[in-house]
Amino acid sequence: MTSENKKQKRTAISDEIKHEICEFHTKNSHLSHIDIALHFNQLHNFDIKRTTISKILKDKGRWLSAITNPPIPTYKHHNSNYNCEDLKVFRKYLKLMNLKLIEDKKQTSINTFYSIAE
């Protein structure tokens, strides 16, 4: 597998970390985005790329105010609307429907066999 075919793993970065990145850039404006990425990769054991740092700093005002203002959702987690019992019932239903399909296919093939034999 070549490096072109490898899929990059997504790293979720919290608002607090983005805030830290913006503050760090403000205090160390002489550093390049690559250097900032390397610093935070070592500090937090991330795999942040230069482009991610650039995107965060592009919206610097938002991330600097993110800690003082109510949190801004950066990613969503979807909870399942089904409980364990619902899933058990659904699995039983699927199993029964699968058995019904098998029985219907058997009956169809038997009817086909007899219609050809006649």
PDB file of N, CA and C in Angstrom:
ATOM      1  N   MET A   1       0.855  -1.179   0.000  1.00  0.00           N
ATOM      2  CA  MET A   1       0.000   0.000   0.000  1.00  0.00           C
ATOM      3  C   MET A   1       0.896   1.237   0.000  1.00  0.00           C
ATOM      4  N   THR A   2       0.683   2.114  -0.936  1.00  0.00           N
ATOM      5  CA  THR A   2       1.493   3.332  -1.009  1.00  0.00           C
ATOM      6  C   THR A   2       0.936   4.380  -0.060  1.00  0.00           C
ATOM      7  N   SER A   3       1.745   5.389   0.190  1.00  0.00           N
ATOM      8  CA  SER A   3       1.302   6.446   1.104  1.00  0.00           C
ATOM      9  C   SER A   3       0.131   7.238   0.524  1.00  0.00           C
ATOM     10  N   GLU A   4      -0.026   7.201  -0.807  1.00  0.00           N
ATOM     11  CA  GLU A   4      -1.147   7.916  -1.430  1.00  0.00           C
ATOM     12  C   GLU A   4      -2.473   7.241  -1.102  1.00  0.00           C
ATOM     13  N   ASN A   5      -2.467   5.912  -0.901  1.00  0.00           N
ATOM     14  CA  ASN A   5      -3.695   5.169  -0.665  1.00  0.00           C
ATOM     15  C   ASN A   5      -4.081   5.113   0.809  1.00  0.00           C
ATOM     16  N   LYS A   6      -3.182   5.488   1.718  1.00  0.00           N
ATOM     17  CA  LYS A   6      -3.488   5.438   3.135  1.00  0.00           C
ATOM     18  C   LYS A   6      -4.481   6.526   3.497  1.00  0.00           C
ATOM     19  N   LYS A   7      -5.465   6.136   4.310  1.00  0.00           N
ATOM     20  CA  LYS A   7      -6.465   7.093   4.749  1.00  0.00           C
ATOM     21  C   LYS A   7      -5.979   7.740   6.041  1.00  0.00           C
ATOM     22  N   GLN A   8      -6.065   9.065   6.125  1.00  0.00           N
ATOM     23  CA  GLN A   8      -5.603   9.770   7.313  1.00  0.00           C
ATOM     24  C   GLN A   8      -6.584   9.567   8.453  1.00  0.00           C
ATOM     25  N   LYS A   9      -6.029   9.377   9.643  1.00  0.00           N
ATOM     26  CA  LYS A   9      -6.859   9.231  10.820  1.00  0.00           C
ATOM     27  C   LYS A   9      -7.241  10.616  11.323  1.00  0.00           C
ATOM     28  N   ARG A  10      -8.494  10.803  11.651  1.00  0.00           N
ATOM     29  CA  ARG A  10      -8.988  12.091  12.112  1.00  0.00           C
ATOM     30  C   ARG A  10      -8.658  12.275  13.585  1.00  0.00           C
ATOM     31  N   THR A  11      -8.166  13.446  13.936  1.00  0.00           N
ATOM     32  CA  THR A  11      -7.881  13.795  15.321  1.00  0.00           C
ATOM     33  C   THR A  11      -8.854  14.886  15.739  1.00  0.00           C
ATOM     34  N   ALA A  12      -9.695  14.580  16.711  1.00  0.00           N
ATOM     35  CA  ALA A  12     -10.639  15.577  17.221  1.00  0.00           C
ATOM     36  C   ALA A  12      -9.893  16.498  18.172  1.00  0.00           C
ATOM     37  N   ILE A  13      -9.949  17.780  17.907  1.00  0.00           N
ATOM     38  CA  ILE A  13      -9.249  18.771  18.720  1.00  0.00           C
ATOM     39  C   ILE A  13     -10.297  19.597  19.460  1.00  0.00           C
ATOM     40  N   SER A  14     -10.190  19.613  20.778  1.00  0.00           N
ATOM     41  CA  SER A  14     -11.181  20.327  21.589  1.00  0.00           C
ATOM     42  C   SER A  14     -11.021  21.837  21.433  1.00  0.00           C
ATOM     43  N   ASP A  15     -12.052  22.546  21.856  1.00  0.00           N
ATOM     44  CA  ASP A  15     -12.014  24.009  21.824  1.00  0.00           C
ATOM     45  C   ASP A  15     -10.877  24.541  22.689  1.00  0.00           C
ATOM     46  N   GLU A  16     -10.618  23.867  23.811  1.00  0.00           N
ATOM     47  CA  GLU A  16      -9.554  24.307  24.722  1.00  0.00           C
ATOM     48  C   GLU A  16      -8.188  24.235  24.038  1.00  0.00           C
ATOM     49  N   ILE A  17      -7.946  23.161  23.285  1.00  0.00           N
ATOM     50  CA  ILE A  17      -6.672  23.005  22.576  1.00  0.00           C
ATOM     51  C   ILE A  17      -6.563  24.070  21.484  1.00  0.00           C
ATOM     52  N   LYS A  18      -7.657  24.314  20.768  1.00  0.00           N
ATOM     53  CA  LYS A  18      -7.647  25.346  19.725  1.00  0.00           C
ATOM     54  C   LYS A  18      -7.365  26.717  20.343  1.00  0.00           C
ATOM     55  N   HIS A  19      -7.933  26.932  21.524  1.00  0.00           N
ATOM     56  CA  HIS A  19      -7.670  28.173  22.264  1.00  0.00           C
ATOM     57  C   HIS A  19      -6.182  28.271  22.606  1.00  0.00           C
ATOM     58  N   GLU A  20      -5.612  27.159  23.093  1.00  0.00           N
ATOM     59  CA  GLU A  20      -4.182  27.125  23.423  1.00  0.00           C
ATOM     60  C   GLU A  20      -3.323  27.411  22.190  1.00  0.00           C
ATOM     61  N   ILE A  21      -3.705  26.837  21.053  1.00  0.00           N
ATOM     62  CA  ILE A  21      -2.952  27.048  19.808  1.00  0.00           C
ATOM     63  C   ILE A  21      -2.949  28.524  19.443  1.00  0.00           C
ATOM     64  N   CYS A  22      -4.106  29.161  19.553  1.00  0.00           N
ATOM     65  CA  CYS A  22      -4.202  30.591  19.216  1.00  0.00           C
ATOM     66  C   CYS A  22      -3.388  31.449  20.186  1.00  0.00           C
ATOM     67  N   GLU A  23      -3.453  31.136  21.475  1.00  0.00           N
ATOM     68  CA  GLU A  23      -2.663  31.883  22.454  1.00  0.00           C
ATOM     69  C   GLU A  23      -1.169  31.681  22.217  1.00  0.00           C
ATOM     70  N   PHE A  24      -0.781  30.437  21.923  1.00  0.00           N
ATOM     71  CA  PHE A  24       0.621  30.125  21.660  1.00  0.00           C
ATOM     72  C   PHE A  24       1.120  30.905  20.446  1.00  0.00           C
ATOM     73  N   HIS A  25       0.292  30.988  19.413  1.00  0.00           N
ATOM     74  CA  HIS A  25       0.661  31.734  18.208  1.00  0.00           C
ATOM     75  C   HIS A  25       0.798  33.228  18.511  1.00  0.00           C
ATOM     76  N   THR A  26      -0.089  33.745  19.349  1.00  0.00           N
ATOM     77  CA  THR A  26      -0.028  35.160  19.713  1.00  0.00           C
ATOM     78  C   THR A  26       1.290  35.473  20.432  1.00  0.00           C
ATOM     79  N   LYS A  27       1.689  34.586  21.350  1.00  0.00           N
ATOM     80  CA  LYS A  27       2.923  34.795  22.114  1.00  0.00           C
ATOM     81  C   LYS A  27       4.175  34.474  21.300  1.00  0.00           C
ATOM     82  N   ASN A  28       4.045  33.607  20.312  1.00  0.00           N
ATOM     83  CA  ASN A  28       5.193  33.163  19.508  1.00  0.00           C
ATOM     84  C   ASN A  28       4.901  33.367  18.023  1.00  0.00           C
ATOM     85  N   SER A  29       4.583  34.580  17.642  1.00  0.00           N
ATOM     86  CA  SER A  29       4.183  34.862  16.258  1.00  0.00           C
ATOM     87  C   SER A  29       5.319  34.655  15.257  1.00  0.00           C
ATOM     88  N   HIS A  30       6.545  34.542  15.737  1.00  0.00           N
ATOM     89  CA  HIS A  30       7.681  34.319  14.837  1.00  0.00           C
ATOM     90  C   HIS A  30       7.767  32.861  14.355  1.00  0.00           C
ATOM     91  N   LEU A  31       7.051  31.949  15.038  1.00  0.00           N
ATOM     92  CA  LEU A  31       7.098  30.535  14.660  1.00  0.00           C
ATOM     93  C   LEU A  31       6.191  30.264  13.457  1.00  0.00           C
ATOM     94  N   SER A  32       6.624  29.340  12.622  1.00  0.00           N
ATOM     95  CA  SER A  32       5.798  28.957  11.471  1.00  0.00           C
ATOM     96  C   SER A  32       4.690  28.005  11.928  1.00  0.00           C
ATOM     97  N   HIS A  33       3.720  27.794  11.079  1.00  0.00           N
ATOM     98  CA  HIS A  33       2.610  26.897  11.394  1.00  0.00           C
ATOM     99  C   HIS A  33       3.114  25.464  11.564  1.00  0.00           C
ATOM    100  N   ILE A  34       4.145  25.104  10.829  1.00  0.00           N
ATOM    101  CA  ILE A  34       4.733  23.764  10.967  1.00  0.00           C
ATOM    102  C   ILE A  34       5.334  23.599  12.362  1.00  0.00           C
ATOM    103  N   ASP A  35       6.041  24.631  12.832  1.00  0.00           N
ATOM    104  CA  ASP A  35       6.643  24.581  14.168  1.00  0.00           C
ATOM    105  C   ASP A  35       5.572  24.488  15.257  1.00  0.00           C
ATOM    106  N   ILE A  36       4.489  25.208  15.073  1.00  0.00           N
ATOM    107  CA  ILE A  36       3.383  25.163  16.042  1.00  0.00           C
ATOM    108  C   ILE A  36       2.772  23.765  16.051  1.00  0.00           C
ATOM    109  N   ALA A  37       2.586  23.183  14.869  1.00  0.00           N
ATOM    110  CA  ALA A  37       2.046  21.820  14.776  1.00  0.00           C
ATOM    111  C   ALA A  37       2.966  20.833  15.493  1.00  0.00           C
ATOM    112  N   LEU A  38       4.267  20.941  15.265  1.00  0.00           N
ATOM    113  CA  LEU A  38       5.227  20.053  15.926  1.00  0.00           C
ATOM    114  C   LEU A  38       5.169  20.208  17.443  1.00  0.00           C
ATOM    115  N   HIS A  39       5.082  21.448  17.910  1.00  0.00           N
ATOM    116  CA  HIS A  39       5.009  21.718  19.354  1.00  0.00           C
ATOM    117  C   HIS A  39       3.797  21.018  19.976  1.00  0.00           C
ATOM    118  N   PHE A  40       2.624  21.182  19.366  1.00  0.00           N
ATOM    119  CA  PHE A  40       1.400  20.597  19.936  1.00  0.00           C
ATOM    120  C   PHE A  40       1.332  19.089  19.723  1.00  0.00           C
ATOM    121  N   ASN A  41       1.958  18.592  18.680  1.00  0.00           N
ATOM    122  CA  ASN A  41       2.030  17.135  18.498  1.00  0.00           C
ATOM    123  C   ASN A  41       2.833  16.498  19.622  1.00  0.00           C
ATOM    124  N   GLN A  42       3.928  17.141  20.005  1.00  0.00           N
ATOM    125  CA  GLN A  42       4.746  16.624  21.103  1.00  0.00           C
ATOM    126  C   GLN A  42       4.057  16.818  22.447  1.00  0.00           C
ATOM    127  N   LEU A  43       3.427  17.959  22.621  1.00  0.00           N
ATOM    128  CA  LEU A  43       2.786  18.289  23.891  1.00  0.00           C
ATOM    129  C   LEU A  43       1.589  17.394  24.192  1.00  0.00           C
ATOM    130  N   HIS A  44       0.750  17.135  23.187  1.00  0.00           N
ATOM    131  CA  HIS A  44      -0.501  16.392  23.395  1.00  0.00           C
ATOM    132  C   HIS A  44      -0.527  15.034  22.698  1.00  0.00           C
ATOM    133  N   ASN A  45       0.587  14.630  22.104  1.00  0.00           N
ATOM    134  CA  ASN A  45       0.671  13.351  21.396  1.00  0.00           C
ATOM    135  C   ASN A  45      -0.391  13.260  20.286  1.00  0.00           C
ATOM    136  N   PHE A  46      -0.518  14.341  19.513  1.00  0.00           N
ATOM    137  CA  PHE A  46      -1.430  14.399  18.381  1.00  0.00           C
ATOM    138  C   PHE A  46      -0.673  14.128  17.093  1.00  0.00           C
ATOM    139  N   ASP A  47      -1.402  14.159  15.994  1.00  0.00           N
ATOM    140  CA  ASP A  47      -0.789  14.113  14.663  1.00  0.00           C
ATOM    141  C   ASP A  47      -1.428  15.233  13.839  1.00  0.00           C
ATOM    142  N   ILE A  48      -1.250  16.471  14.329  1.00  0.00           N
ATOM    143  CA  ILE A  48      -1.843  17.636  13.673  1.00  0.00           C
ATOM    144  C   ILE A  48      -0.933  18.065  12.524  1.00  0.00           C
ATOM    145  N   LYS A  49      -1.524  18.364  11.389  1.00  0.00           N
ATOM    146  CA  LYS A  49      -0.769  18.831  10.222  1.00  0.00           C
ATOM    147  C   LYS A  49      -0.748  20.364  10.192  1.00  0.00           C
ATOM    148  N   ARG A  50       0.143  20.898   9.376  1.00  0.00           N
ATOM    149  CA  ARG A  50       0.269  22.352   9.232  1.00  0.00           C
ATOM    150  C   ARG A  50      -1.048  22.965   8.785  1.00  0.00           C
ATOM    151  N   THR A  51      -1.742  22.298   7.872  1.00  0.00           N
ATOM    152  CA  THR A  51      -2.994  22.853   7.339  1.00  0.00           C
ATOM    153  C   THR A  51      -4.045  22.998   8.433  1.00  0.00           C
ATOM    154  N   THR A  52      -4.039  22.081   9.396  1.00  0.00           N
ATOM    155  CA  THR A  52      -4.995  22.170  10.505  1.00  0.00           C
ATOM    156  C   THR A  52      -4.706  23.410  11.344  1.00  0.00           C
ATOM    157  N   ILE A  53      -3.421  23.662  11.615  1.00  0.00           N
ATOM    158  CA  ILE A  53      -3.031  24.856  12.371  1.00  0.00           C
ATOM    159  C   ILE A  53      -3.461  26.105  11.610  1.00  0.00           C
ATOM    160  N   SER A  54      -3.256  26.099  10.292  1.00  0.00           N
ATOM    161  CA  SER A  54      -3.648  27.261   9.478  1.00  0.00           C
ATOM    162  C   SER A  54      -5.147  27.509   9.549  1.00  0.00           C
ATOM    163  N   LYS A  55      -5.935  26.444   9.500  1.00  0.00           N
ATOM    164  CA  LYS A  55      -7.399  26.585   9.557  1.00  0.00           C
ATOM    165  C   LYS A  55      -7.846  27.109  10.922  1.00  0.00           C
ATOM    166  N   ILE A  56      -7.189  26.631  11.989  1.00  0.00           N
ATOM    167  CA  ILE A  56      -7.534  27.097  13.336  1.00  0.00           C
ATOM    168  C   ILE A  56      -7.192  28.579  13.480  1.00  0.00           C
ATOM    169  N   LEU A  57      -6.004  28.971  13.022  1.00  0.00           N
ATOM    170  CA  LEU A  57      -5.574  30.369  13.162  1.00  0.00           C
ATOM    171  C   LEU A  57      -6.348  31.307  12.247  1.00  0.00           C
ATOM    172  N   LYS A  58      -6.896  30.762  11.171  1.00  0.00           N
ATOM    173  CA  LYS A  58      -7.714  31.576  10.265  1.00  0.00           C
ATOM    174  C   LYS A  58      -8.965  32.088  11.000  1.00  0.00           C
ATOM    175  N   ASP A  59      -9.452  31.274  11.949  1.00  0.00           N
ATOM    176  CA  ASP A  59     -10.641  31.619  12.726  1.00  0.00           C
ATOM    177  C   ASP A  59     -10.247  31.894  14.183  1.00  0.00           C
ATOM    178  N   LYS A  60      -9.138  32.591  14.349  1.00  0.00           N
ATOM    179  CA  LYS A  60      -8.516  32.835  15.645  1.00  0.00           C
ATOM    180  C   LYS A  60      -9.465  33.504  16.651  1.00  0.00           C
ATOM    181  N   GLY A  61     -10.218  34.491  16.192  1.00  0.00           N
ATOM    182  CA  GLY A  61     -11.143  35.212  17.079  1.00  0.00           C
ATOM    183  C   GLY A  61     -12.158  34.289  17.719  1.00  0.00           C
ATOM    184  N   ARG A  62     -12.660  33.364  16.957  1.00  0.00           N
ATOM    185  CA  ARG A  62     -13.648  32.407  17.463  1.00  0.00           C
ATOM    186  C   ARG A  62     -13.048  31.560  18.578  1.00  0.00           C
ATOM    187  N   TRP A  63     -11.826  31.060  18.368  1.00  0.00           N
ATOM    188  CA  TRP A  63     -11.228  30.130  19.324  1.00  0.00           C
ATOM    189  C   TRP A  63     -10.692  30.853  20.563  1.00  0.00           C
ATOM    190  N   LEU A  64     -10.300  32.098  20.408  1.00  0.00           N
ATOM    191  CA  LEU A  64      -9.858  32.843  21.584  1.00  0.00           C
ATOM    192  C   LEU A  64     -11.032  33.192  22.490  1.00  0.00           C
ATOM    193  N   SER A  65     -12.212  33.373  21.912  1.00  0.00           N
ATOM    194  CA  SER A  65     -13.391  33.683  22.720  1.00  0.00           C
ATOM    195  C   SER A  65     -14.153  32.427  23.128  1.00  0.00           C
ATOM    196  N   ALA A  66     -13.740  31.268  22.645  1.00  0.00           N
ATOM    197  CA  ALA A  66     -14.471  30.021  22.900  1.00  0.00           C
ATOM    198  C   ALA A  66     -14.474  29.644  24.376  1.00  0.00           C
ATOM    199  N   ILE A  67     -13.430  29.979  25.104  1.00  0.00           N
ATOM    200  CA  ILE A  67     -13.341  29.601  26.513  1.00  0.00           C
ATOM    201  C   ILE A  67     -14.200  30.520  27.385  1.00  0.00           C
ATOM    202  N   THR A  68     -14.254  31.795  27.051  1.00  0.00           N
ATOM    203  CA  THR A  68     -15.025  32.748  27.864  1.00  0.00           C
ATOM    204  C   THR A  68     -16.513  32.701  27.543  1.00  0.00           C
ATOM    205  N   ASN A  69     -16.860  32.369  26.309  1.00  0.00           N
ATOM    206  CA  ASN A  69     -18.265  32.290  25.897  1.00  0.00           C
ATOM    207  C   ASN A  69     -18.748  30.841  26.004  1.00  0.00           C
ATOM    208  N   PRO A  70     -20.057  30.622  25.881  1.00  0.00           N
ATOM    209  CA  PRO A  70     -20.555  29.244  25.883  1.00  0.00           C
ATOM    210  C   PRO A  70     -19.852  28.430  24.782  1.00  0.00           C
ATOM    211  N   PRO A  71     -19.661  27.150  25.021  1.00  0.00           N
ATOM    212  CA  PRO A  71     -18.928  26.330  24.058  1.00  0.00           C
ATOM    213  C   PRO A  71     -19.603  26.267  22.692  1.00  0.00           C
ATOM    214  N   ILE A  72     -18.782  26.262  21.670  1.00  0.00           N
ATOM    215  CA  ILE A  72     -19.247  26.149  20.292  1.00  0.00           C
ATOM    216  C   ILE A  72     -19.045  24.699  19.870  1.00  0.00           C
ATOM    217  N   PRO A  73     -20.108  24.004  19.481  1.00  0.00           N
ATOM    218  CA  PRO A  73     -19.921  22.598  19.114  1.00  0.00           C
ATOM    219  C   PRO A  73     -19.039  22.463  17.867  1.00  0.00           C
ATOM    220  N   THR A  74     -17.999  21.643  17.965  1.00  0.00           N
ATOM    221  CA  THR A  74     -17.102  21.448  16.833  1.00  0.00           C
ATOM    222  C   THR A  74     -17.366  20.122  16.142  1.00  0.00           C
ATOM    223  N   TYR A  75     -17.922  19.167  16.859  1.00  0.00           N
ATOM    224  CA  TYR A  75     -18.300  17.896  16.260  1.00  0.00           C
ATOM    225  C   TYR A  75     -19.440  17.317  17.077  1.00  0.00           C
ATOM    226  N   LYS A  76     -20.227  16.499  16.453  1.00  0.00           N
ATOM    227  CA  LYS A  76     -21.410  15.960  17.109  1.00  0.00           C
ATOM    228  C   LYS A  76     -21.271  14.458  17.275  1.00  0.00           C
ATOM    229  N   HIS A  77     -21.771  13.967  18.379  1.00  0.00           N
ATOM    230  CA  HIS A  77     -21.849  12.531  18.618  1.00  0.00           C
ATOM    231  C   HIS A  77     -23.322  12.161  18.599  1.00  0.00           C
ATOM    232  N   HIS A  78     -23.663  11.202  17.775  1.00  0.00           N
ATOM    233  CA  HIS A  78     -25.056  10.788  17.668  1.00  0.00           C
ATOM    234  C   HIS A  78     -25.288   9.571  18.550  1.00  0.00           C
ATOM    235  N   ASN A  79     -26.239   9.689  19.441  1.00  0.00           N
ATOM    236  CA  ASN A  79     -26.594   8.562  20.290  1.00  0.00           C
ATOM    237  C   ASN A  79     -27.649   7.724  19.595  1.00  0.00           C
ATOM    238  N   SER A  80     -27.613   6.454  19.863  1.00  0.00           N
ATOM    239  CA  SER A  80     -28.599   5.559  19.281  1.00  0.00           C
ATOM    240  C   SER A  80     -29.952   5.818  19.931  1.00  0.00           C
ATOM    241  N   ASN A  81     -30.998   5.766  19.143  1.00  0.00           N
ATOM    242  CA  ASN A  81     -32.346   5.962  19.667  1.00  0.00           C
ATOM    243  C   ASN A  81     -32.973   4.630  20.089  1.00  0.00           C
ATOM    244  N   TYR A  82     -32.238   3.552  19.945  1.00  0.00           N
ATOM    245  CA  TYR A  82     -32.768   2.234  20.259  1.00  0.00           C
ATOM    246  C   TYR A  82     -32.132   1.699  21.533  1.00  0.00           C
ATOM    247  N   ASN A  83     -32.953   1.082  22.367  1.00  0.00           N
ATOM    248  CA  ASN A  83     -32.383   0.438  23.539  1.00  0.00           C
ATOM    249  C   ASN A  83     -32.129  -1.031  23.222  1.00  0.00           C
ATOM    250  N   CYS A  84     -31.566  -1.734  24.147  1.00  0.00           N
ATOM    251  CA  CYS A  84     -31.154  -3.121  23.940  1.00  0.00           C
ATOM    252  C   CYS A  84     -32.356  -4.022  23.607  1.00  0.00           C
ATOM    253  N   GLU A  85     -33.470  -3.817  24.289  1.00  0.00           N
ATOM    254  CA  GLU A  85     -34.662  -4.641  24.045  1.00  0.00           C
ATOM    255  C   GLU A  85     -35.189  -4.446  22.624  1.00  0.00           C
ATOM    256  N   ASP A  86     -35.193  -3.187  22.160  1.00  0.00           N
ATOM    257  CA  ASP A  86     -35.645  -2.910  20.797  1.00  0.00           C
ATOM    258  C   ASP A  86     -34.806  -3.675  19.788  1.00  0.00           C
ATOM    259  N   LEU A  87     -33.500  -3.701  20.010  1.00  0.00           N
ATOM    260  CA  LEU A  87     -32.610  -4.394  19.077  1.00  0.00           C
ATOM    261  C   LEU A  87     -32.840  -5.896  19.099  1.00  0.00           C
ATOM    262  N   LYS A  88     -33.103  -6.463  20.275  1.00  0.00           N
ATOM    263  CA  LYS A  88     -33.379  -7.901  20.370  1.00  0.00           C
ATOM    264  C   LYS A  88     -34.650  -8.252  19.598  1.00  0.00           C
ATOM    265  N   VAL A  89     -35.685  -7.448  19.782  1.00  0.00           N
ATOM    266  CA  VAL A  89     -36.951  -7.683  19.080  1.00  0.00           C
ATOM    267  C   VAL A  89     -36.747  -7.549  17.571  1.00  0.00           C
ATOM    268  N   PHE A  90     -35.982  -6.545  17.151  1.00  0.00           N
ATOM    269  CA  PHE A  90     -35.733  -6.323  15.735  1.00  0.00           C
ATOM    270  C   PHE A  90     -34.959  -7.500  15.125  1.00  0.00           C
ATOM    271  N   ARG A  91     -33.967  -8.013  15.849  1.00  0.00           N
ATOM    272  CA  ARG A  91     -33.210  -9.167  15.350  1.00  0.00           C
ATOM    273  C   ARG A  91     -34.109 -10.390  15.184  1.00  0.00           C
ATOM    274  N   LYS A  92     -35.021 -10.615  16.158  1.00  0.00           N
ATOM    275  CA  LYS A  92     -35.965 -11.741  16.056  1.00  0.00           C
ATOM    276  C   LYS A  92     -36.861 -11.565  14.823  1.00  0.00           C
ATOM    277  N   TYR A  93     -37.313 -10.338  14.613  1.00  0.00           N
ATOM    278  CA  TYR A  93     -38.158 -10.049  13.452  1.00  0.00           C
ATOM    279  C   TYR A  93     -37.418 -10.363  12.149  1.00  0.00           C
ATOM    280  N   LEU A  94     -36.162  -9.905  12.067  1.00  0.00           N
ATOM    281  CA  LEU A  94     -35.368 -10.168  10.865  1.00  0.00           C
ATOM    282  C   LEU A  94     -35.157 -11.657  10.645  1.00  0.00           C
ATOM    283  N   LYS A  95     -34.922 -12.379  11.724  1.00  0.00           N
ATOM    284  CA  LYS A  95     -34.716 -13.823  11.621  1.00  0.00           C
ATOM    285  C   LYS A  95     -35.987 -14.501  11.097  1.00  0.00           C
ATOM    286  N   LEU A  96     -37.129 -14.097  11.630  1.00  0.00           N
ATOM    287  CA  LEU A  96     -38.396 -14.672  11.167  1.00  0.00           C
ATOM    288  C   LEU A  96     -38.666 -14.329   9.699  1.00  0.00           C
ATOM    289  N   MET A  97     -38.383 -13.100   9.322  1.00  0.00           N
ATOM    290  CA  MET A  97     -38.594 -12.702   7.924  1.00  0.00           C
ATOM    291  C   MET A  97     -37.661 -13.470   6.993  1.00  0.00           C
ATOM    292  N   ASN A  98     -36.451 -13.711   7.435  1.00  0.00           N
ATOM    293  CA  ASN A  98     -35.501 -14.475   6.646  1.00  0.00           C
ATOM    294  C   ASN A  98     -36.006 -15.902   6.469  1.00  0.00           C
ATOM    295  N   LEU A  99     -36.523 -16.518   7.538  1.00  0.00           N
ATOM    296  CA  LEU A  99     -37.078 -17.871   7.453  1.00  0.00           C
ATOM    297  C   LEU A  99     -38.282 -17.902   6.507  1.00  0.00           C
ATOM    298  N   LYS A 100     -39.110 -16.859   6.579  1.00  0.00           N
ATOM    299  CA  LYS A 100     -40.281 -16.783   5.692  1.00  0.00           C
ATOM    300  C   LYS A 100     -39.835 -16.703   4.238  1.00  0.00           C
ATOM    301  N   LEU A 101     -38.817 -15.928   3.956  1.00  0.00           N
ATOM    302  CA  LEU A 101     -38.299 -15.821   2.592  1.00  0.00           C
ATOM    303  C   LEU A 101     -37.765 -17.161   2.104  1.00  0.00           C
ATOM    304  N   ILE A 102     -37.069 -17.862   2.976  1.00  0.00           N
ATOM    305  CA  ILE A 102     -36.538 -19.186   2.600  1.00  0.00           C
ATOM    306  C   ILE A 102     -37.682 -20.136   2.295  1.00  0.00           C
ATOM    307  N   GLU A 103     -38.718 -20.134   3.138  1.00  0.00           N
ATOM    308  CA  GLU A 103     -39.875 -21.006   2.915  1.00  0.00           C
ATOM    309  C   GLU A 103     -40.590 -20.640   1.611  1.00  0.00           C
ATOM    310  N   ASP A 104     -40.726 -19.325   1.348  1.00  0.00           N
ATOM    311  CA  ASP A 104     -41.365 -18.885   0.107  1.00  0.00           C
ATOM    312  C   ASP A 104     -40.572 -19.344  -1.113  1.00  0.00           C
ATOM    313  N   LYS A 105     -39.244 -19.277  -1.031  1.00  0.00           N
ATOM    314  CA  LYS A 105     -38.407 -19.720  -2.148  1.00  0.00           C
ATOM    315  C   LYS A 105     -38.543 -21.221  -2.360  1.00  0.00           C
ATOM    316  N   LYS A 106     -38.589 -21.980  -1.261  1.00  0.00           N
ATOM    317  CA  LYS A 106     -38.758 -23.434  -1.378  1.00  0.00           C
ATOM    318  C   LYS A 106     -40.086 -23.751  -2.050  1.00  0.00           C
ATOM    319  N   GLN A 107     -41.144 -23.078  -1.596  1.00  0.00           N
ATOM    320  CA  GLN A 107     -42.468 -23.325  -2.157  1.00  0.00           C
ATOM    321  C   GLN A 107     -42.500 -22.958  -3.640  1.00  0.00           C
ATOM    322  N   THR A 108     -41.871 -21.849  -4.006  1.00  0.00           N
ATOM    323  CA  THR A 108     -41.824 -21.422  -5.396  1.00  0.00           C
ATOM    324  C   THR A 108     -41.083 -22.441  -6.244  1.00  0.00           C
ATOM    325  N   SER A 109     -39.945 -22.933  -5.732  1.00  0.00           N
ATOM    326  CA  SER A 109     -39.187 -23.907  -6.519  1.00  0.00           C
ATOM    327  C   SER A 109     -39.936 -25.236  -6.623  1.00  0.00           C
ATOM    328  N   ILE A 110     -40.681 -25.629  -5.581  1.00  0.00           N
ATOM    329  CA  ILE A 110     -41.492 -26.860  -5.654  1.00  0.00           C
ATOM    330  C   ILE A 110     -42.589 -26.685  -6.686  1.00  0.00           C
ATOM    331  N   ASN A 111     -43.270 -25.533  -6.658  1.00  0.00           N
ATOM    332  CA  ASN A 111     -44.331 -25.275  -7.639  1.00  0.00           C
ATOM    333  C   ASN A 111     -43.755 -25.256  -9.060  1.00  0.00           C
ATOM    334  N   THR A 112     -42.593 -24.660  -9.224  1.00  0.00           N
ATOM    335  CA  THR A 112     -41.948 -24.613 -10.532  1.00  0.00           C
ATOM    336  C   THR A 112     -41.604 -26.010 -10.996  1.00  0.00           C
ATOM    337  N   PHE A 113     -41.085 -26.852 -10.080  1.00  0.00           N
ATOM    338  CA  PHE A 113     -40.727 -28.225 -10.412  1.00  0.00           C
ATOM    339  C   PHE A 113     -41.945 -28.998 -10.910  1.00  0.00           C
ATOM    340  N   TYR A 114     -43.094 -28.892 -10.177  1.00  0.00           N
ATOM    341  CA  TYR A 114     -44.291 -29.616 -10.560  1.00  0.00           C
ATOM    342  C   TYR A 114     -44.900 -29.090 -11.851  1.00  0.00           C
ATOM    343  N   SER A 115     -44.806 -27.793 -12.096  1.00  0.00           N
ATOM    344  CA  SER A 115     -45.379 -27.259 -13.330  1.00  0.00           C
ATOM    345  C   SER A 115     -44.564 -27.698 -14.537  1.00  0.00           C
ATOM    346  N   ILE A 116     -43.241 -27.876 -14.370  1.00  0.00           N
ATOM    347  CA  ILE A 116     -42.398 -28.355 -15.468  1.00  0.00           C
ATOM    348  C   ILE A 116     -42.620 -29.837 -15.691  1.00  0.00           C
ATOM    349  N   ALA A 117     -42.810 -30.583 -14.606  1.00  0.00           N
ATOM    350  CA  ALA A 117     -42.960 -32.029 -14.697  1.00  0.00           C
ATOM    351  C   ALA A 117     -44.271 -32.412 -15.353  1.00  0.00           C
ATOM    352  N   GLU A 118     -45.266 -31.598 -15.271  1.00  0.00           N
ATOM    353  CA  GLU A 118     -46.584 -31.934 -15.833  1.00  0.00           C
ATOM    354  C   GLU A 118     -46.625 -31.811 -17.297  1.00  0.00           C
TER     355      GLU A 118
END
